[in-house]
């Protein structure tokens, strides 16, 4: 293989940002908590389809459309994309849909809906992400409630989609929505140059932190209601205890940003994402145990 082709493939693999998919993994374990026990084999397959195929393809397609030169989620200095990235995302999506078909048609159709929403979010022909409210609502709905229902369809195809309490889908959406503005808070200038107005730009830097805090409080209330309805209210204390480091880091970061808005930067945003993902996973896994 020629050096130029190798460099192109390497850049494309980097822009898939596979480690960044880890930030969405708490939803998977939250779904496991809310659902009857399913086979380990199905659980592993659904996890791989989402975290190693669909989410990286979505990341890669977004990078292909945006052609960012500044920091993006999971990459401080992204390499330039080319057509190989576009074809790689098509391959990953095709592989995910083909694999999901064998796990059930409802799961496959919901996965297709997720992929189409992801494409509409980034594609310059539609570009939902350029609008602050509709961009936020697309992520809020599809990466939150839609995803947890999609996971249910993959893990427990015998269950109707109405099986999960409404609090489960809304909790998932609020948890995703709470972090979403903080993933944009350092990109205002870059997004403005690209003609994109994010929810974080609409709210402002301080407003983004206030919005995150409010949504996280709502998510906590919904989670308590959910666990109470499932007969496990005591697990809420475990959730809160596990997430104390997340709260401490958020409050400390917010305090720094209030004094110096320049602290709303890439490195702090990625630390926030990493800490929240790690301790959310710990909390849901401990609740499963």
Protein backbone atom coordinates (compact mmCIF):
# COMPACT_ATOMS: atom_id res chain seq x y z
CA UNK A 1 0.00 0.00 0.00
CA UNK A 2 1.35 3.42 -0.97
CA UNK A 3 2.41 5.83 1.83
CA UNK A 4 -0.25 8.34 0.76
CA UNK A 5 -2.99 5.71 0.98
CA UNK A 6 -1.69 4.57 4.36
CA UNK A 7 -1.72 8.15 5.68
CA UNK A 8 -5.26 8.61 4.37
CA UNK A 9 -6.47 5.41 6.04
CA UNK A 10 -4.71 6.34 9.29
CA UNK A 11 -6.35 9.77 9.33
CA UNK A 12 -9.75 8.24 8.62
CA UNK A 13 -9.39 5.77 11.49
CA UNK A 14 -8.37 8.59 13.82
CA UNK A 15 -11.40 10.67 12.80
CA UNK A 16 -13.75 7.82 13.69
CA UNK A 17 -12.86 8.77 17.29
CA UNK A 18 -13.65 5.29 18.58
CA UNK A 19 -12.54 6.12 22.16
CA UNK A 20 -15.04 9.04 22.11
CA UNK A 21 -17.83 6.43 21.79
CA UNK A 22 -17.06 5.53 25.39
CA UNK A 23 -18.85 8.71 26.44
CA UNK A 24 -22.14 7.18 25.27
CA UNK A 25 -21.63 3.82 27.00
CA UNK A 26 -23.47 4.75 30.25
CA UNK A 27 -26.76 4.64 28.32
CA UNK A 28 -26.13 1.00 27.46
CA UNK A 29 -25.65 0.01 31.11
CA UNK A 30 -28.61 2.17 32.13
CA UNK A 31 -30.73 0.20 29.63
CA UNK A 32 -29.48 -3.08 31.12
CA UNK A 33 -30.59 -1.83 34.54
CA UNK A 34 -34.13 -1.14 33.30
CA UNK A 35 -34.63 -4.35 31.29
CA UNK A 36 -35.10 -8.03 32.20
CA UNK A 37 -31.94 -10.10 32.06
CA UNK A 38 -30.94 -10.83 28.47
CA UNK A 39 -28.37 -13.19 27.00
CA UNK A 40 -24.75 -12.12 27.31
CA UNK A 41 -24.27 -12.92 23.64
CA UNK A 42 -26.95 -10.45 22.52
CA UNK A 43 -25.68 -7.81 24.93
CA UNK A 44 -22.14 -8.05 23.54
CA UNK A 45 -23.40 -7.91 19.95
CA UNK A 46 -25.56 -4.83 20.56
CA UNK A 47 -22.72 -3.10 22.41
CA UNK A 48 -20.25 -3.76 19.56
CA UNK A 49 -22.71 -2.67 16.87
CA UNK A 50 -23.31 0.65 18.62
CA UNK A 51 -19.89 1.50 20.05
CA UNK A 52 -17.56 0.11 17.40
CA UNK A 53 -19.65 0.64 14.25
CA UNK A 54 -22.53 3.12 14.49
CA UNK A 55 -21.13 5.75 16.85
CA UNK A 56 -17.69 5.86 15.14
CA UNK A 57 -19.39 6.12 11.73
CA UNK A 58 -21.45 9.05 13.03
CA UNK A 59 -18.31 10.73 14.40
CA UNK A 60 -16.46 10.19 11.14
CA UNK A 61 -19.28 11.49 8.96
CA UNK A 62 -19.56 14.60 11.12
CA UNK A 63 -15.81 15.21 10.74
CA UNK A 64 -16.06 14.66 6.98
CA UNK A 65 -18.78 17.30 6.71
CA UNK A 66 -17.29 19.79 9.17
CA UNK A 67 -13.63 19.54 8.12
CA UNK A 68 -12.61 21.03 11.46
CA UNK A 69 -9.18 22.54 11.90
CA UNK A 70 -9.63 23.22 15.62
CA UNK A 71 -10.27 20.88 18.54
CA UNK A 72 -13.27 18.54 18.38
CA UNK A 73 -14.65 15.97 20.79
CA UNK A 74 -11.92 13.44 21.46
CA UNK A 75 -9.28 15.10 19.22
CA UNK A 76 -7.34 18.22 20.11
CA UNK A 77 -5.70 18.39 16.66
CA UNK A 78 -7.83 16.52 14.11
CA UNK A 79 -6.16 15.46 10.83
CA UNK A 80 -7.73 16.56 7.52
CA UNK A 81 -10.48 14.23 6.22
CA UNK A 82 -10.75 12.93 2.65
CA UNK A 83 -13.10 10.70 0.65
CA UNK A 84 -11.75 7.54 2.26
CA UNK A 85 -13.39 8.64 5.51
CA UNK A 86 -16.75 9.01 3.78
CA UNK A 87 -16.57 5.50 2.29
CA UNK A 88 -15.39 4.06 5.60
CA UNK A 89 -18.45 5.50 7.38
CA UNK A 90 -20.71 3.95 4.72
CA UNK A 91 -19.02 0.59 5.23
CA UNK A 92 -19.42 0.76 9.01
CA UNK A 93 -23.08 1.73 8.76
CA UNK A 94 -23.73 -1.03 6.23
CA UNK A 95 -22.01 -3.58 8.45
CA UNK A 96 -24.04 -2.40 11.46
CA UNK A 97 -27.35 -2.63 9.60
CA UNK A 98 -26.52 -6.05 8.14
CA UNK A 99 -25.52 -7.40 11.56
CA UNK A 100 -28.53 -5.85 13.31
CA UNK A 101 -30.92 -7.53 10.85
CA UNK A 102 -30.03 -10.89 12.39
CA UNK A 103 -30.88 -9.54 15.86
CA UNK A 104 -34.37 -8.51 14.77
CA UNK A 105 -36.09 -6.28 12.23
CA UNK A 106 -37.30 -3.73 14.86
CA UNK A 107 -33.72 -3.24 16.06
CA UNK A 108 -32.50 -2.90 12.48
CA UNK A 109 -35.18 -0.31 11.62
CA UNK A 110 -34.50 1.74 14.74
CA UNK A 111 -30.79 1.62 13.97
CA UNK A 112 -31.54 2.89 10.46
CA UNK A 113 -33.58 5.73 11.97
CA UNK A 114 -30.65 6.65 14.22
CA UNK A 115 -28.22 6.64 11.30
CA UNK A 116 -30.50 8.79 9.12
CA UNK A 117 -30.96 11.29 11.96
CA UNK A 118 -27.20 11.40 12.47
CA UNK A 119 -26.66 12.06 8.76
CA UNK A 120 -29.33 14.78 8.68
CA UNK A 121 -27.66 16.38 11.69
CA UNK A 122 -24.33 16.76 9.84
CA UNK A 123 -25.10 16.70 6.08
CA UNK A 124 -24.75 20.15 4.54
CA UNK A 125 -27.90 19.61 2.51
CA UNK A 126 -29.97 19.64 5.72
CA UNK A 127 -27.47 20.40 8.48
CA UNK A 128 -29.75 20.27 11.54
CA UNK A 129 -26.75 21.08 13.73
CA UNK A 130 -26.65 24.67 12.41
CA UNK A 131 -29.87 25.46 14.31
CA UNK A 132 -29.49 25.71 18.10
CA UNK A 133 -32.87 24.34 19.20
CA UNK A 134 -33.52 21.71 16.52
CA UNK A 135 -29.89 20.57 16.74
CA UNK A 136 -30.19 20.13 20.49
CA UNK A 137 -33.56 18.36 20.24
CA UNK A 138 -32.19 15.93 17.62
CA UNK A 139 -29.38 14.89 19.96
CA UNK A 140 -31.70 14.95 23.00
CA UNK A 141 -34.19 12.61 21.33
CA UNK A 142 -32.09 10.27 19.19
CA UNK A 143 -29.00 9.88 21.40
CA UNK A 144 -31.18 9.65 24.51
CA UNK A 145 -34.68 8.17 24.52
CA UNK A 146 -34.51 6.69 21.02
CA UNK A 147 -31.21 4.96 21.82
CA UNK A 148 -32.44 3.33 25.02
CA UNK A 149 -35.53 2.02 23.18
CA UNK A 150 -33.27 0.84 20.36
CA UNK A 151 -31.10 -1.04 22.88
CA UNK A 152 -34.25 -2.66 24.27
CA UNK A 153 -35.22 -3.78 20.76
CA UNK A 154 -31.78 -5.34 20.35
CA UNK A 155 -31.59 -7.00 23.77
CA UNK A 156 -35.21 -8.04 24.30
CA UNK A 157 -36.98 -8.24 20.91
CA UNK A 158 -39.91 -10.07 22.50
CA UNK A 159 -40.84 -6.99 24.56
CA UNK A 160 -43.09 -4.20 23.18
CA UNK A 161 -41.44 -0.78 22.94
CA UNK A 162 -43.95 0.42 25.53
CA UNK A 163 -42.36 -1.91 28.11
CA UNK A 164 -39.93 0.67 29.48
CA UNK A 165 -41.45 3.30 31.80
CA UNK A 166 -41.54 6.76 30.25
CA UNK A 167 -39.11 7.97 32.91
CA UNK A 168 -36.39 5.71 31.48
CA UNK A 169 -36.38 7.30 28.02
CA UNK A 170 -36.68 10.82 29.42
CA UNK A 171 -33.90 10.23 31.97
CA UNK A 172 -31.62 9.04 29.16
CA UNK A 173 -32.43 12.13 27.08
CA UNK A 174 -31.83 14.49 30.01
CA UNK A 175 -28.47 12.90 30.83
CA UNK A 176 -27.37 13.27 27.20
CA UNK A 177 -28.85 16.76 26.93
CA UNK A 178 -27.14 17.91 30.12
CA UNK A 179 -23.65 17.22 28.76
CA UNK A 180 -24.35 18.35 25.19
CA UNK A 181 -23.79 22.13 25.67
CA UNK A 182 -20.53 21.45 27.51
CA UNK A 183 -19.19 19.60 24.46
CA UNK A 184 -19.71 22.83 22.45
CA UNK A 185 -18.71 25.45 25.00
CA UNK A 186 -15.14 25.73 23.69
CA UNK A 187 -16.10 25.76 19.99
CA UNK A 188 -18.07 28.99 19.68
CA UNK A 189 -15.62 30.77 17.36
CA UNK A 190 -15.05 27.70 15.20
CA UNK A 191 -18.79 27.00 14.90
CA UNK A 192 -19.51 30.64 14.04
CA UNK A 193 -16.98 30.52 11.19
CA UNK A 194 -18.77 27.43 9.89
CA UNK A 195 -22.19 29.10 9.98
CA UNK A 196 -23.37 26.95 12.90
CA UNK A 197 -25.19 28.34 15.91
CA UNK A 198 -25.21 25.78 18.70
CA UNK A 199 -27.36 25.65 21.82
CA UNK A 200 -24.23 26.61 23.78
CA UNK A 201 -23.78 29.76 21.66
CA UNK A 202 -27.44 30.63 22.20
CA UNK A 203 -27.14 30.17 25.97
CA UNK A 204 -23.70 31.71 26.32
CA UNK A 205 -20.86 30.20 28.34
CA UNK A 206 -22.38 30.75 31.78
CA UNK A 207 -25.83 29.89 30.49
CA UNK A 208 -24.51 26.56 29.21
CA UNK A 209 -23.39 25.61 32.71
CA UNK A 210 -26.72 26.67 34.23
CA UNK A 211 -28.62 24.71 31.56
CA UNK A 212 -26.49 21.62 32.26
CA UNK A 213 -27.13 21.88 35.99
CA UNK A 214 -30.91 22.19 35.49
CA UNK A 215 -31.13 19.23 33.13
CA UNK A 216 -29.01 17.10 35.44
CA UNK A 217 -31.34 17.95 38.34
CA UNK A 218 -34.34 16.95 36.20
CA UNK A 219 -32.58 13.70 35.23
CA UNK A 220 -31.98 12.96 38.91
CA UNK A 221 -35.64 13.49 39.77
CA UNK A 222 -36.75 11.27 36.90
CA UNK A 223 -34.26 8.56 37.86
CA UNK A 224 -35.54 8.53 41.42
CA UNK A 225 -39.12 8.20 40.14
CA UNK A 226 -38.04 5.38 37.83
CA UNK A 227 -36.20 3.44 40.53
CA UNK A 228 -39.13 3.94 42.91
CA UNK A 229 -41.56 2.57 40.31
CA UNK A 230 -39.26 -0.43 39.79
CA UNK A 231 -39.18 -1.08 43.54
CA UNK A 232 -35.50 -0.12 43.91
CA UNK A 233 -35.45 3.40 45.43
CA UNK A 234 -32.43 2.52 47.59
CA UNK A 235 -30.29 2.31 44.43
CA UNK A 236 -30.69 6.06 43.92
CA UNK A 237 -28.37 6.69 46.89
CA UNK A 238 -25.77 4.48 45.21
CA UNK A 239 -26.14 6.50 42.01
CA UNK A 240 -25.64 9.76 43.87
CA UNK A 241 -22.66 8.48 45.86
CA UNK A 242 -20.90 7.22 42.72
CA UNK A 243 -21.44 10.54 40.94
CA UNK A 244 -20.12 12.83 43.67
CA UNK A 245 -16.79 13.22 41.77
CA UNK A 246 -18.75 14.34 38.70
CA UNK A 247 -20.60 16.96 40.74
CA UNK A 248 -17.38 18.13 42.40
CA UNK A 249 -15.56 18.54 39.08
CA UNK A 250 -18.53 20.31 37.47
CA UNK A 251 -18.86 22.80 40.32
CA UNK A 252 -15.11 23.42 40.41
CA UNK A 253 -14.97 23.97 36.64
CA UNK A 254 -18.03 26.24 36.71
CA UNK A 255 -16.43 28.30 39.48
CA UNK A 256 -13.29 28.77 37.37
CA UNK A 257 -15.31 29.69 34.28
CA UNK A 258 -17.30 32.30 36.23
CA UNK A 259 -14.03 34.03 37.09
CA UNK A 260 -12.33 33.40 33.76
CA UNK A 261 -14.42 32.37 30.69
CA UNK A 262 -11.21 31.18 28.97
CA UNK A 263 -11.35 28.14 31.26
CA UNK A 264 -14.27 26.90 29.14
CA UNK A 265 -11.74 25.16 26.92
CA UNK A 266 -11.22 21.83 25.19
CA UNK A 267 -9.17 20.16 27.90
CA UNK A 268 -11.61 20.89 30.70
CA UNK A 269 -14.55 19.85 28.49
CA UNK A 270 -12.92 16.49 27.71
CA UNK A 271 -12.12 15.95 31.38
CA UNK A 272 -15.76 16.65 32.21
CA UNK A 273 -16.87 14.10 29.61
CA UNK A 274 -14.40 11.48 30.76
CA UNK A 275 -15.15 11.87 34.47
CA UNK A 276 -18.91 11.83 33.94
CA UNK A 277 -18.70 8.74 31.68
CA UNK A 278 -16.44 6.81 34.06
CA UNK A 279 -18.51 7.46 37.15
CA UNK A 280 -21.87 7.08 35.38
CA UNK A 281 -20.67 3.66 34.21
CA UNK A 282 -19.51 2.80 37.72
CA UNK A 283 -22.86 3.86 39.15
CA UNK A 284 -24.99 1.87 36.70
CA UNK A 285 -22.72 -1.20 36.88
CA UNK A 286 -22.81 -1.12 40.68
CA UNK A 287 -26.61 -0.82 40.55
CA UNK A 288 -26.74 -3.81 38.20
CA UNK A 289 -24.60 -5.79 40.62
